[in-house]
């Protein structure tokens, strides 16, 4: 299971002032805590600072990676911000995200090839957001065909079926679970990722819905998620699910996580 730590995002109250004030110490500490909690990538996002995003995203990359090449997820729809971040990024990054929107696809594809980056492929195009499973399948097919045809390795593609909240349609979670299941059967080589917390938007105590959705999505074939790795309850369910799904032989990862204090109640 690939975990992308979501906490370095200027939409969070404590992160925006740290980025504005270039408080590298605070940012590095936030990244360190997420890595120690089990994150495989650290997401860096300063999308709320629209006018300054190009400069700020590059600074975030340098701040997190100042002392070591921590794997990063560069989270921006702005090709210029992604370009600036890639120039200073150490190691192989994950770019979040490309779509089938013509302008966005054509601007980001050369960057993916130049830097050999992995990429989150979000199932949407110029017609807007998908409504049905068939819409998502059509868009996923187009993304995989176009990306691999351009030389992006299929194992570097992270398909995102676009989670929409159950507060807007009670069927959304069921639709997503079935979409993940079909994606996994059709394209076993690709990763399947989602922004976990989107499912619970509009509800109180959102963490319970997020936790339940994670377990269901893992069973359907999800193998990557953007989440808060400091939520020990959520991480406990993740590790426990891997045991029950026979993806953690003899529960060794679960036991290790327990001994290291990564999971708890």
Protein backbone atom coordinates (compact mmCIF):
# COMPACT_ATOMS: atom_id res chain seq x y z
CA UNK A 1 0.00 0.00 0.00
CA UNK A 2 1.42 3.37 -1.05
CA UNK A 3 0.64 6.19 1.36
CA UNK A 4 0.80 9.84 0.31
CA UNK A 5 0.87 12.10 3.36
CA UNK A 6 -1.54 14.96 2.73
CA UNK A 7 -0.72 17.40 5.54
CA UNK A 8 1.60 19.93 3.82
CA UNK A 9 -1.18 21.85 2.13
CA UNK A 10 -1.73 25.60 2.44
CA UNK A 11 -5.45 25.00 2.86
CA UNK A 12 -4.51 23.96 6.42
CA UNK A 13 -4.36 26.87 8.85
CA UNK A 14 -0.92 26.15 10.26
CA UNK A 15 0.71 25.41 6.92
CA UNK A 16 -0.16 28.59 5.01
CA UNK A 17 1.62 30.99 7.41
CA UNK A 18 4.61 28.62 7.56
CA UNK A 19 4.89 28.77 3.77
CA UNK A 20 4.36 32.54 3.61
CA UNK A 21 7.02 33.09 6.26
CA UNK A 22 9.31 30.44 4.75
CA UNK A 23 9.50 28.57 8.04
CA UNK A 24 11.53 25.64 6.72
CA UNK A 25 11.96 24.14 10.18
CA UNK A 26 8.21 23.73 10.68
CA UNK A 27 7.73 22.27 7.19
CA UNK A 28 10.60 19.79 7.62
CA UNK A 29 9.24 18.67 10.97
CA UNK A 30 5.79 18.11 9.46
CA UNK A 31 7.34 16.03 6.68
CA UNK A 32 9.47 14.05 9.14
CA UNK A 33 6.47 13.14 11.31
CA UNK A 34 4.54 11.88 8.31
CA UNK A 35 7.46 9.77 7.08
CA UNK A 36 7.93 8.26 10.53
CA UNK A 37 4.20 7.49 10.65
CA UNK A 38 4.42 5.45 7.45
CA UNK A 39 4.10 7.83 4.47
CA UNK A 40 5.82 6.75 1.25
CA UNK A 41 5.42 10.18 -0.35
CA UNK A 42 4.93 13.62 1.13
CA UNK A 43 2.37 15.69 -0.75
CA UNK A 44 3.30 19.36 -1.18
CA UNK A 45 0.48 21.70 -2.19
CA UNK A 46 0.28 25.48 -2.07
CA UNK A 47 -2.71 25.85 -4.37
CA UNK A 48 -4.40 28.49 -2.20
CA UNK A 49 -1.52 30.87 -2.94
CA UNK A 50 -2.51 31.17 -6.58
CA UNK A 51 -0.46 34.22 -7.52
CA UNK A 52 2.66 32.90 -5.81
CA UNK A 53 2.28 29.17 -6.50
CA UNK A 54 5.22 28.80 -8.89
CA UNK A 55 7.72 30.24 -6.41
CA UNK A 56 6.12 28.74 -3.29
CA UNK A 57 5.87 25.17 -4.58
CA UNK A 58 9.55 25.18 -5.55
CA UNK A 59 10.42 26.52 -2.09
CA UNK A 60 8.33 23.80 -0.43
CA UNK A 61 10.21 21.12 -2.35
CA UNK A 62 13.56 22.54 -1.32
CA UNK A 63 12.48 22.94 2.30
CA UNK A 64 11.28 19.33 2.64
CA UNK A 65 14.29 17.89 0.80
CA UNK A 66 16.96 20.15 2.27
CA UNK A 67 18.66 17.37 4.21
CA UNK A 68 17.56 14.23 2.35
CA UNK A 69 15.73 13.17 -0.81
CA UNK A 70 12.33 12.53 0.77
CA UNK A 71 9.96 11.22 -1.95
CA UNK A 72 7.51 13.94 -2.94
CA UNK A 73 4.11 14.22 -4.56
CA UNK A 74 4.01 17.55 -6.42
CA UNK A 75 0.39 18.59 -6.14
CA UNK A 76 -0.67 21.27 -8.61
CA UNK A 77 -2.71 21.60 -11.80
CA UNK A 78 -0.43 24.49 -12.86
CA UNK A 79 2.22 23.24 -15.36
CA UNK A 80 4.53 26.15 -14.57
CA UNK A 81 4.43 25.39 -10.84
CA UNK A 82 5.09 21.71 -11.59
CA UNK A 83 8.00 22.65 -13.86
CA UNK A 84 9.58 24.85 -11.18
CA UNK A 85 9.15 22.12 -8.57
CA UNK A 86 10.59 19.40 -10.80
CA UNK A 87 13.72 21.47 -11.46
CA UNK A 88 14.67 21.40 -7.77
CA UNK A 89 13.21 18.02 -6.81
CA UNK A 90 15.52 15.18 -5.74
CA UNK A 91 14.69 11.63 -6.72
CA UNK A 92 11.68 10.33 -8.64
CA UNK A 93 8.57 12.41 -7.89
CA UNK A 94 4.87 11.72 -8.25
CA UNK A 95 3.05 14.51 -10.11
CA UNK A 96 -0.55 15.15 -9.10
CA UNK A 97 -2.18 15.37 -11.56
CA UNK A 98 -2.73 15.05 -15.30
CA UNK A 99 -6.16 14.81 -16.97
CA UNK A 100 -7.48 14.42 -20.51
CA UNK A 101 -8.14 18.15 -20.68
CA UNK A 102 -6.23 18.97 -23.88
CA UNK A 103 -4.35 22.02 -22.64
CA UNK A 104 -3.37 20.46 -19.33
CA UNK A 105 -2.36 17.14 -20.89
CA UNK A 106 -0.18 18.72 -23.58
CA UNK A 107 1.53 21.01 -21.07
CA UNK A 108 2.30 18.32 -18.46
CA UNK A 109 3.24 15.38 -20.67
CA UNK A 110 6.65 16.76 -21.76
CA UNK A 111 7.54 17.36 -18.10
CA UNK A 112 6.64 13.79 -17.14
CA UNK A 113 8.86 12.46 -19.90
CA UNK A 114 11.77 14.83 -19.24
CA UNK A 115 11.91 14.04 -15.52
CA UNK A 116 10.67 10.42 -15.76
CA UNK A 117 8.08 11.19 -13.10
CA UNK A 118 5.21 9.04 -11.94
CA UNK A 119 1.81 10.65 -12.36
CA UNK A 120 -1.68 10.69 -10.90
CA UNK A 121 -4.05 10.36 -13.87
CA UNK A 122 -7.34 11.96 -12.89
CA UNK A 123 -10.38 10.71 -14.80
CA UNK A 124 -11.76 13.92 -16.24
CA UNK A 125 -11.57 15.79 -19.53
CA UNK A 126 -12.76 19.00 -21.18
CA UNK A 127 -16.35 17.82 -20.84
CA UNK A 128 -16.06 17.99 -17.05
CA UNK A 129 -16.40 15.49 -14.23
CA UNK A 130 -17.47 11.88 -14.87
CA UNK A 131 -20.89 10.80 -13.61
CA UNK A 132 -20.95 7.06 -14.25
CA UNK A 133 -18.68 4.02 -14.14
CA UNK A 134 -18.67 3.94 -17.94
CA UNK A 135 -17.51 7.56 -18.01
CA UNK A 136 -14.60 6.71 -15.74
CA UNK A 137 -13.68 3.64 -17.78
CA UNK A 138 -13.65 5.66 -20.99
CA UNK A 139 -11.47 8.34 -19.44
CA UNK A 140 -9.10 5.83 -17.83
CA UNK A 141 -8.71 4.03 -21.16
CA UNK A 142 -7.86 7.34 -22.85
CA UNK A 143 -5.36 8.32 -20.19
CA UNK A 144 -3.55 4.97 -20.23
CA UNK A 145 -3.49 4.81 -24.03
CA UNK A 146 -2.19 8.35 -24.45
CA UNK A 147 0.35 8.20 -21.62
CA UNK A 148 1.84 4.82 -22.49
CA UNK A 149 1.77 5.72 -26.17
CA UNK A 150 3.93 8.73 -25.35
CA UNK A 151 6.42 6.61 -23.43
CA UNK A 152 5.19 6.83 -19.82
CA UNK A 153 5.59 3.43 -18.16
CA UNK A 154 2.29 1.87 -17.14
CA UNK A 155 3.61 1.16 -13.63
CA UNK A 156 4.22 4.92 -13.24
CA UNK A 157 0.51 5.68 -13.74
CA UNK A 158 -1.71 6.17 -10.69
CA UNK A 159 -5.33 6.10 -11.87
CA UNK A 160 -7.63 8.31 -9.80
CA UNK A 161 -11.32 7.46 -10.32
CA UNK A 162 -12.30 10.85 -8.87
CA UNK A 163 -13.95 10.47 -5.48
CA UNK A 164 -17.12 12.52 -5.07
CA UNK A 165 -18.84 12.97 -1.69
CA UNK A 166 -21.73 10.81 -0.58
CA UNK A 167 -23.36 14.00 0.70
CA UNK A 168 -24.19 14.91 -2.90
CA UNK A 169 -25.30 11.42 -3.98
CA UNK A 170 -25.81 8.41 -1.66
CA UNK A 171 -24.62 6.08 -4.45
CA UNK A 172 -21.20 7.70 -4.87
CA UNK A 173 -19.27 5.36 -2.58
CA UNK A 174 -20.79 2.24 -4.19
CA UNK A 175 -20.00 3.64 -7.63
CA UNK A 176 -16.40 4.30 -6.64
CA UNK A 177 -15.91 0.85 -5.11
CA UNK A 178 -17.18 -0.84 -8.26
CA UNK A 179 -15.03 1.44 -10.44
CA UNK A 180 -11.92 0.52 -8.44
CA UNK A 181 -12.77 -3.16 -8.78
CA UNK A 182 -13.13 -2.88 -12.57
CA UNK A 183 -9.94 -0.80 -12.91
CA UNK A 184 -7.98 -3.43 -10.97
CA UNK A 185 -9.30 -6.28 -13.12
CA UNK A 186 -8.73 -4.43 -16.38
CA UNK A 187 -5.32 -2.88 -15.64
CA UNK A 188 -3.49 -4.96 -13.00
CA UNK A 189 -0.19 -3.15 -13.69
CA UNK A 190 -1.40 0.37 -12.83
CA UNK A 191 -1.72 1.87 -9.39
CA UNK A 192 -5.14 3.04 -8.22
CA UNK A 193 -5.19 6.05 -5.93
CA UNK A 194 -7.75 8.36 -4.38
CA UNK A 195 -8.02 11.36 -2.13
CA UNK A 196 -9.65 9.56 0.75
CA UNK A 197 -11.27 12.45 2.61
CA UNK A 198 -13.27 13.68 -0.40
CA UNK A 199 -15.86 10.97 0.23
CA UNK A 200 -16.98 12.47 3.56
CA UNK A 201 -17.29 16.15 2.64
CA UNK A 202 -20.29 17.75 4.34
CA UNK A 203 -20.57 15.23 7.20
CA UNK A 204 -19.74 15.59 10.90
CA UNK A 205 -16.99 13.35 12.32
CA UNK A 206 -15.75 12.74 8.81
CA UNK A 207 -13.00 10.39 9.97
CA UNK A 208 -15.44 7.52 10.49
CA UNK A 209 -16.69 7.68 6.91
CA UNK A 210 -13.10 7.99 5.65
CA UNK A 211 -12.07 4.90 7.63
CA UNK A 212 -14.98 2.79 6.41
CA UNK A 213 -14.39 3.86 2.82
CA UNK A 214 -10.70 2.99 3.02
CA UNK A 215 -11.44 -0.58 4.11
CA UNK A 216 -13.98 -1.08 1.31
CA UNK A 217 -11.66 0.47 -1.30
CA UNK A 218 -8.73 -1.71 -0.25
CA UNK A 219 -10.85 -4.81 -0.69
CA UNK A 220 -11.80 -3.61 -4.19
CA UNK A 221 -8.17 -3.13 -5.24
CA UNK A 222 -7.03 0.32 -4.13
CA UNK A 223 -3.26 0.28 -3.62
CA UNK A 224 -2.49 3.96 -2.94
CA UNK A 225 -4.20 6.70 -0.98
CA UNK A 226 -3.73 10.35 -0.11
CA UNK A 227 -4.42 10.53 3.61
CA UNK A 228 -3.25 11.73 7.02
CA UNK A 229 -0.68 9.16 8.24
CA UNK A 230 -0.74 10.71 11.73
CA UNK A 231 -4.29 9.39 12.20
CA UNK A 232 -3.37 6.22 14.07
CA UNK A 233 -6.89 4.79 13.95
CA UNK A 234 -6.96 5.13 10.18
CA UNK A 235 -3.49 3.63 9.85
CA UNK A 236 -4.51 0.78 12.15
CA UNK A 237 -7.40 -0.09 9.87
CA UNK A 238 -5.11 0.10 6.86
CA UNK A 239 -2.56 -2.31 8.33
CA UNK A 240 -5.28 -4.62 9.67
CA UNK A 241 -7.01 -4.72 6.27
CA UNK A 242 -3.74 -5.71 4.61
CA UNK A 243 -3.52 -8.69 6.98
CA UNK A 244 -7.09 -9.82 6.25
CA UNK A 245 -6.63 -9.40 2.50
CA UNK A 246 -3.52 -11.63 2.59
CA UNK A 247 -1.27 -8.74 1.54
CA UNK A 248 0.80 -8.83 4.72
CA UNK A 249 2.25 -12.32 5.22
CA UNK A 250 1.89 -13.44 8.83
CA UNK A 251 0.95 -9.85 9.72
CA UNK A 252 4.58 -8.78 9.98
CA UNK A 253 3.93 -5.21 8.79
CA UNK A 254 1.04 -4.92 11.22
CA UNK A 255 3.17 -6.17 14.10
CA UNK A 256 6.03 -3.85 13.14
CA UNK A 257 3.68 -0.87 12.96
CA UNK A 258 2.34 -1.72 16.42
CA UNK A 259 5.82 -2.03 17.91
CA UNK A 260 6.87 1.28 16.35
CA UNK A 261 3.81 3.06 17.72
CA UNK A 262 2.36 3.86 14.29
CA UNK A 263 -1.08 2.46 15.13
CA UNK A 264 -3.24 2.79 18.19
CA UNK A 265 -6.55 3.86 19.65
